[in-house]
């Protein structure tokens, strides 16, 4: 693997040159849950110091170690987006019994974790009563914000720099990238499924791994017939180093009959 694509460090500095040691690495950015960096290593690269390799930098994001697994001759490292990890680390009991705007609750959680946040004004104005983290610490700020966002018609995700809490319809209204099947960095036909019985429609296609439209951004499909129009990038998966192709999944509210 090429140099400088992945840099992993521990409390006292660099611990492992994953660039030369890794047999594979994959980045998955998403608006559902936490984005992840997965790295596979030969077992002889697992050292006593590796369990202190707490953070990584790759694909323009910072990552925090979430899991280490060994299966036969392979060691699997799973890192999650550092913004989400910072919120997961906040587990102390806190509760607000009075009704507060959702924006106030989310902002307090994020300030506590040192995380910048961007909140959809419509979502933020909804008042919530009895929000917080429980006494027994079986929850954390990330879980609470995710549940709160879903409860009031939005979703929470990280773009690698900040937490975003917004409705899909608000994200769809942003500046969109126009794309067409098998044109430019789109390397395949755009497959789609529109179904009245499903809450969301889906579309998928293959792109060059240098395609830079991240999860959470709107795109405008052209030349697909009934799937033409605005979609959100829901997931974007590619291998490192950036060579070959990756897979993109789109989402939008169902539109048949609307």
Protein backbone atom coordinates (compact mmCIF):
# COMPACT_ATOMS: atom_id res chain seq x y z
CA UNK A 1 0.00 0.00 0.00
CA UNK A 2 1.19 3.50 -0.75
CA UNK A 3 2.65 5.66 1.98
CA UNK A 4 0.63 8.24 3.93
CA UNK A 5 -2.75 6.63 3.25
CA UNK A 6 -3.17 5.38 6.81
CA UNK A 7 -1.43 6.71 9.89
CA UNK A 8 -2.04 5.02 13.25
CA UNK A 9 -0.84 6.45 16.54
CA UNK A 10 -1.03 5.70 20.25
CA UNK A 11 -0.60 7.88 23.34
CA UNK A 12 3.18 8.10 22.85
CA UNK A 13 3.32 8.37 19.07
CA UNK A 14 3.28 6.12 16.01
CA UNK A 15 2.84 2.42 16.76
CA UNK A 16 2.53 0.63 13.45
CA UNK A 17 3.13 1.34 9.80
CA UNK A 18 -0.15 -0.03 8.50
CA UNK A 19 0.68 1.24 5.05
CA UNK A 20 3.24 -1.51 4.58
CA UNK A 21 1.81 -4.04 7.05
CA UNK A 22 -1.86 -4.14 6.02
CA UNK A 23 -3.09 -6.74 3.58
CA UNK A 24 -6.23 -4.67 2.95
CA UNK A 25 -8.12 -1.64 4.23
CA UNK A 26 -11.65 -0.47 3.54
CA UNK A 27 -13.50 2.77 4.33
CA UNK A 28 -17.28 2.88 4.67
CA UNK A 29 -18.91 6.26 5.17
CA UNK A 30 -22.61 6.24 5.99
CA UNK A 31 -25.56 8.28 7.26
CA UNK A 32 -26.86 5.25 9.18
CA UNK A 33 -24.75 4.55 12.25
CA UNK A 34 -21.02 5.19 12.44
CA UNK A 35 -18.66 5.33 9.48
CA UNK A 36 -15.85 2.75 9.75
CA UNK A 37 -12.28 2.01 8.69
CA UNK A 38 -11.51 -1.73 8.59
CA UNK A 39 -7.92 -2.93 8.35
CA UNK A 40 -6.69 -6.52 7.89
CA UNK A 41 -3.20 -7.50 9.05
CA UNK A 42 -1.17 -10.72 8.98
CA UNK A 43 -1.04 -12.16 12.51
CA UNK A 44 2.71 -11.56 12.77
CA UNK A 45 2.00 -7.82 12.71
CA UNK A 46 0.02 -8.01 15.96
CA UNK A 47 2.39 -6.68 18.62
CA UNK A 48 2.01 -5.97 22.31
CA UNK A 49 1.88 -2.26 21.49
CA UNK A 50 -0.97 -2.56 19.01
CA UNK A 51 -3.68 -2.44 21.65
CA UNK A 52 -2.62 1.15 22.37
CA UNK A 53 -2.93 2.21 18.73
CA UNK A 54 -5.99 4.22 19.59
CA UNK A 55 -6.44 6.53 16.61
CA UNK A 56 -5.96 6.52 12.86
CA UNK A 57 -6.08 8.98 10.01
CA UNK A 58 -7.26 7.86 6.58
CA UNK A 59 -9.44 9.13 3.72
CA UNK A 60 -9.49 12.64 5.18
CA UNK A 61 -10.96 11.56 8.53
CA UNK A 62 -9.83 10.73 12.03
CA UNK A 63 -10.82 7.33 13.42
CA UNK A 64 -10.94 5.74 16.86
CA UNK A 65 -10.21 2.07 17.56
CA UNK A 66 -13.46 0.19 18.24
CA UNK A 67 -12.54 -3.50 17.93
CA UNK A 68 -9.64 -5.92 17.46
CA UNK A 69 -10.32 -9.49 16.32
CA UNK A 70 -8.08 -12.35 15.29
CA UNK A 71 -9.34 -15.07 12.94
CA UNK A 72 -6.71 -17.65 12.05
CA UNK A 73 -3.77 -15.94 10.40
CA UNK A 74 -5.50 -12.57 10.10
CA UNK A 75 -5.97 -9.71 12.55
CA UNK A 76 -8.93 -7.38 11.95
CA UNK A 77 -8.89 -3.80 13.26
CA UNK A 78 -12.13 -1.85 13.19
CA UNK A 79 -12.02 1.91 13.66
CA UNK A 80 -15.06 4.18 13.84
CA UNK A 81 -15.45 7.85 13.01
CA UNK A 82 -13.76 9.89 15.77
CA UNK A 83 -16.74 12.27 16.10
CA UNK A 84 -19.04 9.36 16.93
CA UNK A 85 -16.44 7.81 19.22
CA UNK A 86 -16.18 11.04 21.24
CA UNK A 87 -19.94 11.00 21.82
CA UNK A 88 -19.89 7.29 22.76
CA UNK A 89 -17.37 8.07 25.49
CA UNK A 90 -19.90 10.26 27.34
CA UNK A 91 -21.84 7.91 29.65
CA UNK A 92 -22.24 9.73 32.99
CA UNK A 93 -25.79 10.23 34.22
CA UNK A 94 -27.47 13.42 33.10
CA UNK A 95 -31.18 14.18 32.77
CA UNK A 96 -33.29 17.21 31.90
CA UNK A 97 -36.87 16.86 33.15
CA UNK A 98 -38.14 20.12 31.70
CA UNK A 99 -39.11 20.46 28.04
CA UNK A 100 -36.17 21.83 26.04
CA UNK A 101 -35.65 22.47 22.32
CA UNK A 102 -33.95 19.47 20.72
CA UNK A 103 -31.19 21.80 19.53
CA UNK A 104 -30.33 22.69 23.15
CA UNK A 105 -30.14 19.05 24.24
CA UNK A 106 -28.05 17.95 21.25
CA UNK A 107 -25.75 20.96 21.56
CA UNK A 108 -25.15 20.23 25.25
CA UNK A 109 -24.22 16.63 24.49
CA UNK A 110 -21.86 17.72 21.71
CA UNK A 111 -20.25 20.51 23.73
CA UNK A 112 -19.56 18.05 26.53
CA UNK A 113 -17.81 15.74 24.04
CA UNK A 114 -15.94 18.56 22.27
CA UNK A 115 -17.78 17.85 19.01
CA UNK A 116 -18.95 20.56 16.54
CA UNK A 117 -22.57 20.14 15.47
CA UNK A 118 -24.87 21.34 12.67
CA UNK A 119 -28.60 21.01 13.42
CA UNK A 120 -31.49 21.37 10.98
CA UNK A 121 -33.50 24.35 12.37
CA UNK A 122 -36.85 22.56 11.97
CA UNK A 123 -35.59 19.53 13.92
CA UNK A 124 -33.92 21.74 16.51
CA UNK A 125 -37.09 23.65 17.36
CA UNK A 126 -39.00 20.55 18.52
CA UNK A 127 -39.31 20.51 22.32
CA UNK A 128 -38.33 17.33 24.16
CA UNK A 129 -39.07 16.47 27.80
CA UNK A 130 -37.14 14.02 29.95
CA UNK A 131 -34.05 13.67 27.73
CA UNK A 132 -30.64 12.59 28.95
CA UNK A 133 -28.46 9.60 29.89
CA UNK A 134 -29.53 7.03 32.46
CA UNK A 135 -28.14 6.36 35.93
CA UNK A 136 -26.71 2.93 35.11
CA UNK A 137 -24.67 4.20 32.13
CA UNK A 138 -26.06 1.60 29.75
CA UNK A 139 -26.37 4.33 27.16
CA UNK A 140 -24.21 7.18 25.84
CA UNK A 141 -24.55 10.50 24.06
CA UNK A 142 -24.33 8.99 20.57
CA UNK A 143 -27.18 6.56 21.23
CA UNK A 144 -29.30 9.26 22.81
CA UNK A 145 -28.78 11.72 19.97
CA UNK A 146 -29.49 9.04 17.35
CA UNK A 147 -32.72 8.02 19.07
CA UNK A 148 -33.75 11.63 19.56
CA UNK A 149 -33.11 12.49 15.90
CA UNK A 150 -35.18 9.52 14.70
CA UNK A 151 -37.99 10.38 17.12
CA UNK A 152 -38.40 13.86 15.65
CA UNK A 153 -38.10 12.90 12.00
CA UNK A 154 -34.38 13.33 11.32
CA UNK A 155 -31.14 11.39 11.46
CA UNK A 156 -27.70 11.93 13.01
CA UNK A 157 -24.38 11.20 11.32
CA UNK A 158 -20.82 12.50 11.08
CA UNK A 159 -19.19 14.01 8.01
CA UNK A 160 -15.77 13.49 9.57
CA UNK A 161 -15.54 17.01 10.97
CA UNK A 162 -18.82 17.50 12.85
CA UNK A 163 -22.07 15.85 13.83
CA UNK A 164 -25.01 16.60 11.53
CA UNK A 165 -28.61 16.26 12.75
CA UNK A 166 -31.10 16.86 9.97
CA UNK A 167 -34.13 15.66 8.05
CA UNK A 168 -33.44 14.01 4.70
CA UNK A 169 -35.66 16.56 2.98
CA UNK A 170 -33.43 19.36 4.27
CA UNK A 171 -30.29 17.62 3.00
CA UNK A 172 -31.92 17.01 -0.38
CA UNK A 173 -32.38 20.77 -0.77
CA UNK A 174 -28.61 21.40 -0.88
CA UNK A 175 -26.42 21.83 -3.95
CA UNK A 176 -26.55 18.51 -5.81
CA UNK A 177 -24.00 16.80 -8.05
CA UNK A 178 -25.51 15.76 -11.39
CA UNK A 179 -24.72 12.15 -12.32
CA UNK A 180 -25.58 9.82 -15.21
CA UNK A 181 -25.04 6.07 -15.70
CA UNK A 182 -21.55 5.18 -16.98
CA UNK A 183 -20.44 8.80 -17.30
CA UNK A 184 -17.37 10.45 -15.78
CA UNK A 185 -16.47 8.75 -12.51
CA UNK A 186 -19.70 6.73 -12.50
CA UNK A 187 -18.55 3.42 -13.98
CA UNK A 188 -21.75 1.40 -14.13
CA UNK A 189 -25.47 1.60 -14.77
CA UNK A 190 -27.48 3.06 -11.91
CA UNK A 191 -29.67 0.30 -10.49
CA UNK A 192 -32.71 1.33 -8.47
CA UNK A 193 -35.79 0.01 -6.66
CA UNK A 194 -38.93 2.13 -6.24
CA UNK A 195 -41.55 0.41 -4.10
CA UNK A 196 -44.74 1.80 -2.55
CA UNK A 197 -44.38 -0.66 0.31
CA UNK A 198 -40.97 0.66 1.39
CA UNK A 199 -40.32 3.80 3.40
CA UNK A 200 -37.28 4.66 1.27
CA UNK A 201 -36.25 4.05 -2.33
CA UNK A 202 -32.75 2.77 -3.07
CA UNK A 203 -30.27 3.09 -5.91
CA UNK A 204 -26.72 1.73 -6.31
CA UNK A 205 -23.83 2.13 -8.73
CA UNK A 206 -20.07 1.71 -9.06
CA UNK A 207 -17.67 4.66 -9.14
CA UNK A 208 -13.97 5.43 -9.34
CA UNK A 209 -12.58 5.44 -5.81
CA UNK A 210 -11.49 9.05 -6.32
CA UNK A 211 -15.16 10.07 -6.52
CA UNK A 212 -15.47 12.63 -3.74
CA UNK A 213 -19.21 12.97 -3.01
CA UNK A 214 -19.47 11.75 0.58
CA UNK A 215 -22.38 10.22 2.48
CA UNK A 216 -25.01 12.82 3.34
CA UNK A 217 -24.63 14.87 0.16
CA UNK A 218 -27.39 15.18 -2.47
CA UNK A 219 -27.01 14.00 -6.05
CA UNK A 220 -29.27 14.55 -9.07
CA UNK A 221 -29.81 11.42 -11.18
CA UNK A 222 -30.22 12.00 -14.91
CA UNK A 223 -31.16 9.61 -17.71
CA UNK A 224 -32.62 6.83 -15.54
CA UNK A 225 -36.32 7.41 -16.27
CA UNK A 226 -38.48 7.01 -13.13
CA UNK A 227 -35.49 7.33 -10.80
CA UNK A 228 -34.46 10.76 -12.11
CA UNK A 229 -34.27 13.50 -9.50
CA UNK A 230 -32.75 14.18 -6.10
CA UNK A 231 -31.23 11.47 -3.91
CA UNK A 232 -28.97 11.38 -0.87
CA UNK A 233 -25.71 9.45 -0.77
CA UNK A 234 -26.50 6.98 2.02
CA UNK A 235 -23.31 4.91 1.89
CA UNK A 236 -19.95 5.02 0.10
CA UNK A 237 -17.56 2.09 0.38
CA UNK A 238 -14.07 1.90 -1.14
CA UNK A 239 -10.77 0.14 -0.59
CA UNK A 240 -7.48 1.85 0.20
CA UNK A 241 -5.28 2.81 -1.55
CA UNK A 242 -7.59 4.77 -3.83
CA UNK A 243 -7.44 2.59 -6.92
CA UNK A 244 -10.09 0.71 -8.84
CA UNK A 245 -13.74 1.22 -7.98
CA UNK A 246 -16.06 1.58 -5.00
CA UNK A 247 -19.77 1.19 -4.40
CA UNK A 248 -22.30 3.94 -3.68
CA UNK A 249 -25.79 3.50 -2.29
CA UNK A 250 -28.43 6.24 -2.52
CA UNK A 251 -31.63 6.80 -0.60
CA UNK A 252 -34.69 9.02 -0.79
CA UNK A 253 -38.30 8.95 0.46
CA UNK A 254 -40.58 6.86 -1.77
CA UNK A 255 -41.88 8.79 -4.78
CA UNK A 256 -44.15 6.44 -6.73
CA UNK A 257 -47.57 8.03 -6.98
CA UNK A 258 -46.44 11.31 -5.45
